[in-house]
Amino acid sequence: MEKIDGLSKDIEQTEREKLASVFPQCFVEGKLDIDKLLSLCGEYILKDFEKYEFTWKGKSECLPLAQALSSRKCEF
């Protein structure tokens, strides 16, 4: 019988590996340089601009929380 560790799949790591395989020059010390990635795709960042945003307290914590590894002990 195969033993299950109970951890969910690390979605963030999987996506980083995909990006690194296609755009290795956009990673510096294992971290994504988003400005470099966008410039390679023809999207140039203008640092001096304004935009409208829909935001609320806790919004920045939502995505990391949703993508966090979860664990559950499975008993059969």
N, C-alpha and C. Protein backbone atom coordinates (compact mmCIF):
# COMPACT_ATOMS: atom_id res chain seq x y z
N MET A 1 0.85 -1.17 0.00
CA MET A 1 0.00 0.00 0.00
C MET A 1 0.90 1.24 0.00
N GLU A 2 0.52 2.23 -0.82
CA GLU A 2 1.28 3.47 -0.93
C GLU A 2 0.90 4.41 0.20
N LYS A 3 1.92 4.99 0.84
CA LYS A 3 1.68 5.92 1.93
C LYS A 3 1.51 7.33 1.38
N ILE A 4 0.49 8.03 1.83
CA ILE A 4 0.18 9.39 1.38
C ILE A 4 0.63 10.36 2.46
N ASP A 5 1.36 11.43 2.04
CA ASP A 5 1.86 12.39 3.04
C ASP A 5 0.80 13.38 3.49
N GLY A 6 -0.28 13.56 2.73
CA GLY A 6 -1.37 14.43 3.13
C GLY A 6 -1.18 15.89 2.80
N LEU A 7 -0.09 16.26 2.09
CA LEU A 7 0.13 17.65 1.71
C LEU A 7 -0.46 17.93 0.34
N SER A 8 -0.99 19.11 0.18
CA SER A 8 -1.51 19.49 -1.13
C SER A 8 -0.35 19.82 -2.07
N LYS A 9 -0.65 19.91 -3.35
CA LYS A 9 0.37 20.22 -4.34
C LYS A 9 0.82 21.67 -4.19
N ASP A 10 2.11 21.91 -4.31
CA ASP A 10 2.66 23.27 -4.21
C ASP A 10 2.50 23.95 -5.57
N ILE A 11 1.39 24.63 -5.75
CA ILE A 11 1.05 25.26 -7.02
C ILE A 11 2.05 26.36 -7.38
N GLU A 12 2.44 27.15 -6.39
CA GLU A 12 3.38 28.25 -6.67
C GLU A 12 4.70 27.73 -7.20
N GLN A 13 5.24 26.69 -6.58
CA GLN A 13 6.52 26.13 -7.02
C GLN A 13 6.39 25.56 -8.43
N THR A 14 5.30 24.91 -8.73
CA THR A 14 5.08 24.35 -10.06
C THR A 14 5.06 25.45 -11.11
N GLU A 15 4.38 26.54 -10.81
CA GLU A 15 4.29 27.65 -11.76
C GLU A 15 5.64 28.35 -11.94
N ARG A 16 6.40 28.50 -10.84
CA ARG A 16 7.74 29.09 -10.94
C ARG A 16 8.65 28.23 -11.81
N GLU A 17 8.55 26.92 -11.65
CA GLU A 17 9.37 26.01 -12.46
C GLU A 17 9.01 26.13 -13.94
N LYS A 18 7.72 26.27 -14.25
CA LYS A 18 7.30 26.46 -15.64
C LYS A 18 7.89 27.73 -16.22
N LEU A 19 7.77 28.84 -15.46
CA LEU A 19 8.32 30.11 -15.92
C LEU A 19 9.84 30.03 -16.09
N ALA A 20 10.50 29.41 -15.15
CA ALA A 20 11.97 29.32 -15.21
C ALA A 20 12.42 28.49 -16.40
N SER A 21 11.64 27.50 -16.80
CA SER A 21 12.03 26.69 -17.95
C SER A 21 11.90 27.47 -19.26
N VAL A 22 10.96 28.41 -19.30
CA VAL A 22 10.74 29.20 -20.52
C VAL A 22 11.55 30.49 -20.49
N PHE A 23 11.64 31.15 -19.34
CA PHE A 23 12.33 32.42 -19.19
C PHE A 23 13.38 32.36 -18.08
N PRO A 24 14.43 31.59 -18.24
CA PRO A 24 15.43 31.49 -17.15
C PRO A 24 16.14 32.81 -16.87
N GLN A 25 16.23 33.70 -17.84
CA GLN A 25 16.90 34.98 -17.65
C GLN A 25 16.11 35.92 -16.74
N CYS A 26 14.87 35.58 -16.44
CA CYS A 26 14.03 36.43 -15.59
C CYS A 26 14.12 36.05 -14.12
N PHE A 27 14.98 35.08 -13.79
CA PHE A 27 15.14 34.67 -12.40
C PHE A 27 16.53 35.05 -11.91
N VAL A 28 16.56 35.74 -10.79
CA VAL A 28 17.81 36.15 -10.17
C VAL A 28 17.83 35.57 -8.76
N GLU A 29 18.80 34.72 -8.49
CA GLU A 29 18.92 34.05 -7.20
C GLU A 29 17.62 33.34 -6.82
N GLY A 30 16.98 32.72 -7.80
CA GLY A 30 15.76 31.95 -7.55
C GLY A 30 14.50 32.77 -7.44
N LYS A 31 14.57 34.08 -7.60
CA LYS A 31 13.39 34.94 -7.49
C LYS A 31 13.07 35.55 -8.85
N LEU A 32 11.79 35.67 -9.13
CA LEU A 32 11.31 36.21 -10.39
C LEU A 32 11.51 37.72 -10.43
N ASP A 33 12.14 38.21 -11.50
CA ASP A 33 12.26 39.64 -11.76
C ASP A 33 11.13 40.00 -12.72
N ILE A 34 10.02 40.44 -12.15
CA ILE A 34 8.80 40.69 -12.93
C ILE A 34 9.00 41.78 -13.98
N ASP A 35 9.79 42.79 -13.68
CA ASP A 35 10.05 43.85 -14.66
C ASP A 35 10.76 43.30 -15.89
N LYS A 36 11.70 42.41 -15.67
CA LYS A 36 12.42 41.80 -16.78
C LYS A 36 11.50 40.91 -17.61
N LEU A 37 10.63 40.15 -16.94
CA LEU A 37 9.68 39.30 -17.64
C LEU A 37 8.73 40.13 -18.49
N LEU A 38 8.20 41.19 -17.92
CA LEU A 38 7.27 42.04 -18.67
C LEU A 38 7.96 42.70 -19.86
N SER A 39 9.20 43.16 -19.68
CA SER A 39 9.90 43.80 -20.79
C SER A 39 10.19 42.80 -21.91
N LEU A 40 10.45 41.54 -21.57
CA LEU A 40 10.65 40.52 -22.60
C LEU A 40 9.37 40.26 -23.40
N CYS A 41 8.23 40.49 -22.75
CA CYS A 41 6.94 40.28 -23.40
C CYS A 41 6.42 41.55 -24.07
N GLY A 42 7.23 42.59 -24.10
CA GLY A 42 6.84 43.83 -24.76
C GLY A 42 6.03 44.77 -23.90
N GLU A 43 5.93 44.49 -22.63
CA GLU A 43 5.21 45.35 -21.70
C GLU A 43 6.23 46.13 -20.89
N TYR A 44 6.36 47.40 -21.17
CA TYR A 44 7.35 48.20 -20.48
C TYR A 44 6.70 48.96 -19.35
N ILE A 45 7.31 48.89 -18.19
CA ILE A 45 6.75 49.49 -16.98
C ILE A 45 7.11 50.97 -16.94
N LEU A 46 6.09 51.79 -16.84
CA LEU A 46 6.31 53.22 -16.61
C LEU A 46 6.12 53.44 -15.12
N LYS A 47 7.17 53.84 -14.45
CA LYS A 47 7.12 53.98 -12.99
C LYS A 47 6.29 55.18 -12.55
N ASP A 48 6.04 56.11 -13.46
CA ASP A 48 5.34 57.33 -13.11
C ASP A 48 3.94 57.32 -13.73
N PHE A 49 3.02 56.58 -13.12
CA PHE A 49 1.66 56.54 -13.63
C PHE A 49 0.67 56.35 -12.48
N GLU A 50 -0.57 56.69 -12.75
CA GLU A 50 -1.63 56.53 -11.78
C GLU A 50 -2.65 55.55 -12.34
N LYS A 51 -3.33 54.86 -11.45
CA LYS A 51 -4.37 53.94 -11.89
C LYS A 51 -5.41 53.81 -10.78
N TYR A 52 -6.59 53.38 -11.18
CA TYR A 52 -7.63 53.10 -10.21
C TYR A 52 -7.46 51.68 -9.72
N GLU A 53 -7.75 51.47 -8.44
CA GLU A 53 -7.64 50.13 -7.87
C GLU A 53 -8.86 49.83 -7.02
N PHE A 54 -9.26 48.58 -7.05
CA PHE A 54 -10.30 48.09 -6.16
C PHE A 54 -9.58 47.30 -5.09
N THR A 55 -9.53 47.84 -3.89
CA THR A 55 -8.75 47.19 -2.84
C THR A 55 -9.50 47.24 -1.52
N TRP A 56 -9.09 46.40 -0.61
CA TRP A 56 -9.66 46.35 0.71
C TRP A 56 -8.62 45.78 1.67
N LYS A 57 -8.83 45.99 2.95
CA LYS A 57 -7.90 45.49 3.95
C LYS A 57 -7.86 43.96 3.89
N GLY A 58 -6.66 43.43 3.78
CA GLY A 58 -6.50 41.98 3.73
C GLY A 58 -6.43 41.41 2.32
N LYS A 59 -6.61 42.25 1.29
CA LYS A 59 -6.61 41.77 -0.09
C LYS A 59 -5.27 41.14 -0.46
N SER A 60 -4.17 41.74 -0.03
CA SER A 60 -2.86 41.23 -0.40
C SER A 60 -2.57 39.86 0.24
N GLU A 61 -3.26 39.53 1.31
CA GLU A 61 -3.05 38.25 1.97
C GLU A 61 -3.92 37.13 1.39
N CYS A 62 -4.90 37.46 0.56
CA CYS A 62 -5.84 36.46 0.06
C CYS A 62 -5.17 35.40 -0.83
N LEU A 63 -4.43 35.83 -1.84
CA LEU A 63 -3.84 34.87 -2.77
C LEU A 63 -2.81 33.97 -2.09
N PRO A 64 -1.86 34.51 -1.30
CA PRO A 64 -0.94 33.59 -0.63
C PRO A 64 -1.65 32.60 0.29
N LEU A 65 -2.72 33.04 0.94
CA LEU A 65 -3.46 32.15 1.82
C LEU A 65 -4.16 31.05 1.01
N ALA A 66 -4.72 31.43 -0.13
CA ALA A 66 -5.41 30.45 -0.97
C ALA A 66 -4.44 29.45 -1.59
N GLN A 67 -3.19 29.87 -1.84
CA GLN A 67 -2.22 28.99 -2.46
C GLN A 67 -1.32 28.27 -1.46
N ALA A 68 -1.53 28.50 -0.17
CA ALA A 68 -0.71 27.86 0.85
C ALA A 68 -0.94 26.35 0.85
N LEU A 69 0.11 25.64 1.19
CA LEU A 69 -0.01 24.18 1.28
C LEU A 69 -0.96 23.83 2.42
N SER A 70 -1.79 22.87 2.19
CA SER A 70 -2.66 22.41 3.25
C SER A 70 -2.32 20.97 3.53
N SER A 71 -2.66 20.54 4.71
CA SER A 71 -2.41 19.15 5.04
C SER A 71 -3.62 18.58 5.77
N ARG A 72 -3.82 17.32 5.53
CA ARG A 72 -4.91 16.62 6.18
C ARG A 72 -4.47 15.18 6.32
N LYS A 73 -4.61 14.67 7.47
CA LYS A 73 -4.24 13.29 7.67
C LYS A 73 -5.37 12.40 7.16
N CYS A 74 -5.00 11.50 6.29
CA CYS A 74 -5.98 10.57 5.71
C CYS A 74 -5.88 9.24 6.44
N GLU A 75 -6.97 8.79 6.96
CA GLU A 75 -6.98 7.51 7.63
C GLU A 75 -7.94 6.60 6.89
N PHE A 76 -7.46 5.45 6.56
CA PHE A 76 -8.29 4.47 5.84
C PHE A 76 -8.55 3.27 6.70
